[in-house]
Amino acid sequence: MGKRLVIVLDMPDRRLAVPNPANYRFAVFCCSYKMDMGSTPDHALALFVDQAMAERYGAWMWPTTFQVVDLEDPLGARK
């Protein structure tokens, strides 16, 4: 079985929970390549638990180019 990297964070405010990346299923990409603005692969710029929130955020930030990818879908962005 593969090894997992575990990062332990101390939050500066004890009222804030430490984020668990495994909780965030939907990744939002700006897709700069669609406007010939990038030559390297785009990185996810935001992660969301909820698909509808991911769609709203992407539409607000990059209305004509964004893409939301379900990280739990085996096809991912290839759909």
Protein backbone atom coordinates (compact mmCIF):
# COMPACT_ATOMS: atom_id res chain seq x y z
CA MET A 1 0.00 0.00 0.00
CA GLY A 2 1.28 3.50 -0.83
CA LYS A 3 2.54 5.95 1.74
CA ARG A 4 0.54 9.06 2.57
CA LEU A 5 2.02 12.38 3.55
CA VAL A 6 0.34 13.80 6.63
CA ILE A 7 0.75 17.47 7.43
CA VAL A 8 -0.16 18.65 10.90
CA LEU A 9 -1.13 22.30 11.15
CA ASP A 10 -1.51 24.43 14.23
CA MET A 11 -4.26 26.93 13.56
CA PRO A 12 -3.55 30.45 14.86
CA ASP A 13 -7.11 30.67 16.20
CA ARG A 14 -8.40 27.67 18.15
CA ARG A 15 -11.93 28.42 16.87
CA LEU A 16 -10.85 27.47 13.34
CA ALA A 17 -10.82 23.80 12.42
CA VAL A 18 -7.78 22.40 10.63
CA PRO A 19 -8.82 21.83 6.98
CA ASN A 20 -8.84 18.25 5.75
CA PRO A 21 -8.16 18.20 1.97
CA ALA A 22 -9.98 14.87 1.66
CA ASN A 23 -13.24 16.71 2.45
CA TYR A 24 -13.04 18.82 -0.71
CA ARG A 25 -14.37 16.90 -3.69
CA PHE A 26 -14.69 19.63 -6.35
CA ALA A 27 -11.73 21.54 -7.82
CA VAL A 28 -12.12 24.80 -9.74
CA PHE A 29 -9.70 25.63 -12.54
CA CYS A 30 -9.52 29.00 -14.33
CA CYS A 31 -8.48 27.31 -17.61
CA SER A 32 -6.19 30.08 -18.85
CA TYR A 33 -5.20 27.85 -21.77
CA LYS A 34 -8.64 28.51 -23.30
CA MET A 35 -7.51 32.12 -23.87
CA ASP A 36 -3.92 31.22 -24.85
CA MET A 37 -2.72 32.69 -21.56
CA GLY A 38 -0.74 29.74 -20.31
CA SER A 39 1.47 26.98 -21.61
CA THR A 40 1.77 24.91 -18.43
CA PRO A 41 -0.99 22.80 -16.89
CA ASP A 42 -3.43 24.79 -14.76
CA HIS A 43 -3.52 24.07 -11.05
CA ALA A 44 -6.77 23.99 -9.10
CA LEU A 45 -7.33 27.44 -7.64
CA ALA A 46 -10.11 26.53 -5.22
CA LEU A 47 -11.52 23.40 -3.61
CA PHE A 48 -15.12 22.96 -2.49
CA VAL A 49 -17.24 20.40 -0.67
CA ASP A 50 -20.31 21.34 -2.73
CA GLN A 51 -20.50 21.29 -6.54
CA ALA A 52 -23.02 24.14 -6.75
CA MET A 53 -20.73 26.42 -4.74
CA ALA A 54 -17.79 25.45 -6.95
CA GLU A 55 -19.84 26.30 -10.07
CA ARG A 56 -20.92 29.68 -8.63
CA TYR A 57 -17.37 30.57 -7.64
CA GLY A 58 -15.95 29.62 -11.03
CA ALA A 59 -18.64 31.57 -12.87
CA TRP A 60 -18.00 34.62 -10.70
CA MET A 61 -14.21 34.56 -11.07
CA TRP A 62 -13.74 33.29 -14.66
CA PRO A 63 -17.16 33.40 -16.37
CA THR A 64 -16.06 32.22 -19.81
CA THR A 65 -13.25 29.77 -19.07
CA PHE A 66 -13.61 28.03 -15.69
CA GLN A 67 -14.02 24.29 -15.23
CA VAL A 68 -15.13 22.31 -12.17
CA VAL A 69 -13.70 18.81 -11.80
CA ASP A 70 -15.12 16.12 -9.51
CA LEU A 71 -12.02 14.66 -7.90
CA GLU A 72 -13.86 11.45 -6.96
CA ASP A 73 -14.95 10.75 -10.54
CA PRO A 74 -12.51 8.35 -12.22
CA LEU A 75 -12.88 10.23 -15.52
CA GLY A 76 -12.21 13.58 -13.85
CA ALA A 77 -11.64 16.35 -16.38
CA ARG A 78 -11.68 13.96 -19.35
CA LYS A 79 -15.47 14.14 -19.61
